[in-house]
Amino acid sequence: MFKLHTRLKADTFEIARLELSRMLLMNDKSLPWLILVPERKGVRELDQLAEADRARLMEEIVIASRAIQHLYAPDKMNIGALGNLVPQLHLHVIGRYRTDRAWPGPIWGTGPGVPYTKEEAKEVCKRLKEAIKKAA
C-alpha cells in the first residue's frame, strides 16, 4: 500500500488525487510550487515506473504546469526530480519569476520559504483544484 513520505506530508498541503499522482502544494507562498507524487509503493526513480505510468506522469506534469501558468503567469516553469532528501519519487513543478529569490539558479538551498497560513493554503488549493480541472 502506498504511503506518503513523512517529509512530504509535513511540508505540503494536499490539493488533489490525480489518476497516478497525489498533487501537493509546497508550503512556500513565495513561489507557485506543486509536487506530484506517483502513488506507487517503493518507487524512487522515474525509470522504476511502468511505461504507462511514465506516460501518465508526463501528462500530469503538463496539467500541473498549465494550472500554474493559468493562475500565476510565471516567466518560466521548472520541473525537477531530485529525491536526495526524500527517497520517494516526487516531481517539483515550480513557476519561476525573474524577480524570485533564486533567479536564474535553482530554488533549492536559497533560504527559508514563506509559509502559508491555513486559510491561505485552503484558498490556494481551492483555486488550483479548479485550474486543474480546466487544464486536464
C-alpha atoms as a PDB file:
ATOM      1  CA  MET A   1       0.000   0.000   0.000  1.00  0.00           C
ATOM      2  CA  PHE A   2       1.243   3.485  -0.907  1.00  0.00           C
ATOM      3  CA  LYS A   3       2.162   5.815   1.958  1.00  0.00           C
ATOM      4  CA  LEU A   4       3.252   9.443   1.523  1.00  0.00           C
ATOM      5  CA  HIS A   5       6.732  10.124   2.913  1.00  0.00           C
ATOM      6  CA  THR A   6       6.614  11.950   6.255  1.00  0.00           C
ATOM      7  CA  ARG A   7       8.745  14.858   4.993  1.00  0.00           C
ATOM      8  CA  LEU A   8       6.400  15.468   2.065  1.00  0.00           C
ATOM      9  CA  LYS A   9       3.421  15.237   4.367  1.00  0.00           C
ATOM     10  CA  ALA A  10       4.942  17.779   6.764  1.00  0.00           C
ATOM     11  CA  ASP A  11       5.995  20.281   4.069  1.00  0.00           C
ATOM     12  CA  THR A  12       2.872  20.329   1.891  1.00  0.00           C
ATOM     13  CA  PHE A  13      -0.896  20.594   1.613  1.00  0.00           C
ATOM     14  CA  GLU A  14      -2.850  18.062  -0.418  1.00  0.00           C
ATOM     15  CA  ILE A  15      -4.631  19.534  -3.422  1.00  0.00           C
ATOM     16  CA  ALA A  16      -5.961  16.539  -5.331  1.00  0.00           C
ATOM     17  CA  ARG A  17      -5.530  12.936  -6.312  1.00  0.00           C
ATOM     18  CA  LEU A  18      -4.945  12.509  -9.999  1.00  0.00           C
ATOM     19  CA  GLU A  19      -5.049   9.262 -11.951  1.00  0.00           C
ATOM     20  CA  LEU A  20      -1.481   8.370 -10.941  1.00  0.00           C
ATOM     21  CA  SER A  21      -0.236  11.017  -8.566  1.00  0.00           C
ATOM     22  CA  ARG A  22      -1.064  12.867  -5.437  1.00  0.00           C
ATOM     23  CA  MET A  23      -0.790  16.599  -6.126  1.00  0.00           C
ATOM     24  CA  LEU A  24       0.580  18.671  -3.270  1.00  0.00           C
ATOM     25  CA  LEU A  25       1.148  22.368  -2.644  1.00  0.00           C
ATOM     26  CA  MET A  26       4.570  23.173  -1.202  1.00  0.00           C
ATOM     27  CA  ASN A  27       4.261  25.274   1.932  1.00  0.00           C
ATOM     28  CA  ASP A  28       6.099  28.247   0.431  1.00  0.00           C
ATOM     29  CA  LYS A  29       3.927  31.071  -0.830  1.00  0.00           C
ATOM     30  CA  SER A  30       6.848  32.906  -2.402  1.00  0.00           C
ATOM     31  CA  LEU A  31       6.501  30.688  -5.500  1.00  0.00           C
ATOM     32  CA  PRO A  32       3.730  28.682  -7.147  1.00  0.00           C
ATOM     33  CA  TRP A  33       5.150  25.262  -6.279  1.00  0.00           C
ATOM     34  CA  LEU A  34       3.417  21.931  -6.779  1.00  0.00           C
ATOM     35  CA  ILE A  35       4.681  18.438  -6.087  1.00  0.00           C
ATOM     36  CA  LEU A  36       3.452  15.327  -7.876  1.00  0.00           C
ATOM     37  CA  VAL A  37       3.938  12.024  -6.073  1.00  0.00           C
ATOM     38  CA  PRO A  38       3.136   8.913  -8.115  1.00  0.00           C
ATOM     39  CA  GLU A  39       1.210   6.603  -5.812  1.00  0.00           C
ATOM     40  CA  ARG A  40       3.385   3.564  -6.380  1.00  0.00           C
ATOM     41  CA  LYS A  41       4.909   1.809  -3.388  1.00  0.00           C
ATOM     42  CA  GLY A  42       8.694   1.636  -3.242  1.00  0.00           C
ATOM     43  CA  VAL A  43       9.365   3.701  -6.370  1.00  0.00           C
ATOM     44  CA  ARG A  44      12.359   6.013  -6.039  1.00  0.00           C
ATOM     45  CA  GLU A  45      13.311   6.757  -9.649  1.00  0.00           C
ATOM     46  CA  LEU A  46      11.448   7.566 -12.867  1.00  0.00           C
ATOM     47  CA  ASP A  47      12.827   4.505 -14.633  1.00  0.00           C
ATOM     48  CA  GLN A  48      11.197   2.274 -12.000  1.00  0.00           C
ATOM     49  CA  LEU A  49       7.720   3.299 -13.181  1.00  0.00           C
ATOM     50  CA  ALA A  50       5.948   1.145 -15.729  1.00  0.00           C
ATOM     51  CA  GLU A  51       5.879   2.645 -19.220  1.00  0.00           C
ATOM     52  CA  ALA A  52       2.184   3.567 -18.955  1.00  0.00           C
ATOM     53  CA  ASP A  53       2.799   5.247 -15.593  1.00  0.00           C
ATOM     54  CA  ARG A  54       5.687   7.272 -17.034  1.00  0.00           C
ATOM     55  CA  ALA A  55       3.441   8.493 -19.838  1.00  0.00           C
ATOM     56  CA  ARG A  56       0.657   9.325 -17.376  1.00  0.00           C
ATOM     57  CA  LEU A  57       3.101  11.195 -15.133  1.00  0.00           C
ATOM     58  CA  MET A  58       4.167  13.348 -18.086  1.00  0.00           C
ATOM     59  CA  GLU A  59       0.526  14.258 -18.710  1.00  0.00           C
ATOM     60  CA  GLU A  60       0.092  15.139 -15.035  1.00  0.00           C
ATOM     61  CA  ILE A  61       3.184  17.363 -15.197  1.00  0.00           C
ATOM     62  CA  VAL A  62       1.554  19.181 -18.117  1.00  0.00           C
ATOM     63  CA  ILE A  63      -1.681  19.587 -16.137  1.00  0.00           C
ATOM     64  CA  ALA A  64       0.210  20.993 -13.129  1.00  0.00           C
ATOM     65  CA  SER A  65       2.223  23.326 -15.360  1.00  0.00           C
ATOM     66  CA  ARG A  66      -0.877  24.624 -17.127  1.00  0.00           C
ATOM     67  CA  ALA A  67      -2.628  25.253 -13.815  1.00  0.00           C
ATOM     68  CA  ILE A  68       0.326  27.287 -12.540  1.00  0.00           C
ATOM     69  CA  GLN A  69       0.617  29.187 -15.814  1.00  0.00           C
ATOM     70  CA  HIS A  70      -3.106  29.972 -15.807  1.00  0.00           C
ATOM     71  CA  LEU A  71      -3.195  31.243 -12.225  1.00  0.00           C
ATOM     72  CA  TYR A  72       0.252  32.831 -11.830  1.00  0.00           C
ATOM     73  CA  ALA A  73       1.716  33.625 -15.298  1.00  0.00           C
ATOM     74  CA  PRO A  74       5.313  32.816 -14.337  1.00  0.00           C
ATOM     75  CA  ASP A  75       8.264  33.739 -16.534  1.00  0.00           C
ATOM     76  CA  LYS A  76       9.451  30.109 -16.638  1.00  0.00           C
ATOM     77  CA  MET A  77       8.394  26.650 -15.476  1.00  0.00           C
ATOM     78  CA  ASN A  78      10.921  24.439 -13.656  1.00  0.00           C
ATOM     79  CA  ILE A  79      10.377  20.702 -13.334  1.00  0.00           C
ATOM     80  CA  GLY A  80      12.683  18.644 -11.166  1.00  0.00           C
ATOM     81  CA  ALA A  81      13.038  15.221  -9.621  1.00  0.00           C
ATOM     82  CA  LEU A  82      15.855  15.280  -7.091  1.00  0.00           C
ATOM     83  CA  GLY A  83      14.983  12.933  -4.250  1.00  0.00           C
ATOM     84  CA  ASN A  84      18.229  13.435  -2.371  1.00  0.00           C
ATOM     85  CA  LEU A  85      16.474  14.057   0.959  1.00  0.00           C
ATOM     86  CA  VAL A  86      13.175  12.268   0.274  1.00  0.00           C
ATOM     87  CA  PRO A  87      13.739   8.846  -1.296  1.00  0.00           C
ATOM     88  CA  GLN A  88      10.138   8.575  -2.558  1.00  0.00           C
ATOM     89  CA  LEU A  89       9.708   9.548  -6.214  1.00  0.00           C
ATOM     90  CA  HIS A  90       8.229  13.030  -6.441  1.00  0.00           C
ATOM     91  CA  LEU A  91       8.430  15.807  -9.018  1.00  0.00           C
ATOM     92  CA  HIS A  92       8.558  19.516  -8.324  1.00  0.00           C
ATOM     93  CA  VAL A  93       6.621  21.737 -10.720  1.00  0.00           C
ATOM     94  CA  ILE A  94       7.565  25.338  -9.955  1.00  0.00           C
ATOM     95  CA  GLY A  95       6.605  28.616 -11.542  1.00  0.00           C
ATOM     96  CA  ARG A  96       9.638  30.890 -11.597  1.00  0.00           C
ATOM     97  CA  TYR A  97       9.984  34.650 -11.930  1.00  0.00           C
ATOM     98  CA  ARG A  98      12.940  36.779 -12.910  1.00  0.00           C
ATOM     99  CA  THR A  99      12.383  38.547  -9.585  1.00  0.00           C
ATOM    100  CA  ASP A 100      12.307  35.464  -7.315  1.00  0.00           C
ATOM    101  CA  ARG A 101      14.935  34.842  -4.640  1.00  0.00           C
ATOM    102  CA  ALA A 102      16.995  32.410  -6.701  1.00  0.00           C
ATOM    103  CA  TRP A 103      16.611  33.508 -10.320  1.00  0.00           C
ATOM    104  CA  PRO A 104      18.205  32.329 -12.556  1.00  0.00           C
ATOM    105  CA  GLY A 105      19.577  29.491 -10.428  1.00  0.00           C
ATOM    106  CA  PRO A 106      17.747  26.579  -8.813  1.00  0.00           C
ATOM    107  CA  ILE A 107      15.440  27.366  -5.901  1.00  0.00           C
ATOM    108  CA  TRP A 108      16.877  24.726  -3.564  1.00  0.00           C
ATOM    109  CA  GLY A 109      19.105  25.979  -0.783  1.00  0.00           C
ATOM    110  CA  THR A 110      18.291  29.654  -1.304  1.00  0.00           C
ATOM    111  CA  GLY A 111      16.836  30.325   2.096  1.00  0.00           C
ATOM    112  CA  PRO A 112      13.688  29.573   4.006  1.00  0.00           C
ATOM    113  CA  GLY A 113      10.356  29.713   2.251  1.00  0.00           C
ATOM    114  CA  VAL A 114       7.421  31.846   3.321  1.00  0.00           C
ATOM    115  CA  PRO A 115       4.774  29.544   4.829  1.00  0.00           C
ATOM    116  CA  TYR A 116       1.090  29.869   4.070  1.00  0.00           C
ATOM    117  CA  THR A 117      -1.454  30.435   6.803  1.00  0.00           C
ATOM    118  CA  LYS A 118      -4.033  27.663   6.948  1.00  0.00           C
ATOM    119  CA  GLU A 119      -6.596  29.983   5.391  1.00  0.00           C
ATOM    120  CA  GLU A 120      -4.262  30.983   2.557  1.00  0.00           C
ATOM    121  CA  ALA A 121      -3.371  27.371   1.824  1.00  0.00           C
ATOM    122  CA  LYS A 122      -7.025  26.382   1.753  1.00  0.00           C
ATOM    123  CA  GLU A 123      -7.851  29.156  -0.732  1.00  0.00           C
ATOM    124  CA  VAL A 124      -4.843  28.421  -2.966  1.00  0.00           C
ATOM    125  CA  CYS A 125      -5.660  24.697  -3.012  1.00  0.00           C
ATOM    126  CA  LYS A 126      -9.246  25.506  -3.990  1.00  0.00           C
ATOM    127  CA  ARG A 127      -8.100  27.741  -6.863  1.00  0.00           C
ATOM    128  CA  LEU A 128      -5.584  25.140  -8.031  1.00  0.00           C
ATOM    129  CA  LYS A 129      -8.230  22.379  -7.999  1.00  0.00           C
ATOM    130  CA  GLU A 130     -10.380  24.496 -10.294  1.00  0.00           C
ATOM    131  CA  ALA A 131      -7.428  25.269 -12.562  1.00  0.00           C
ATOM    132  CA  ILE A 132      -6.512  21.575 -12.725  1.00  0.00           C
ATOM    133  CA  LYS A 133      -9.994  20.692 -13.962  1.00  0.00           C
ATOM    134  CA  LYS A 134      -9.622  23.217 -16.773  1.00  0.00           C
ATOM    135  CA  ALA A 135      -6.103  22.033 -17.613  1.00  0.00           C
ATOM    136  CA  ALA A 136      -6.955  18.314 -17.784  1.00  0.00           C
END
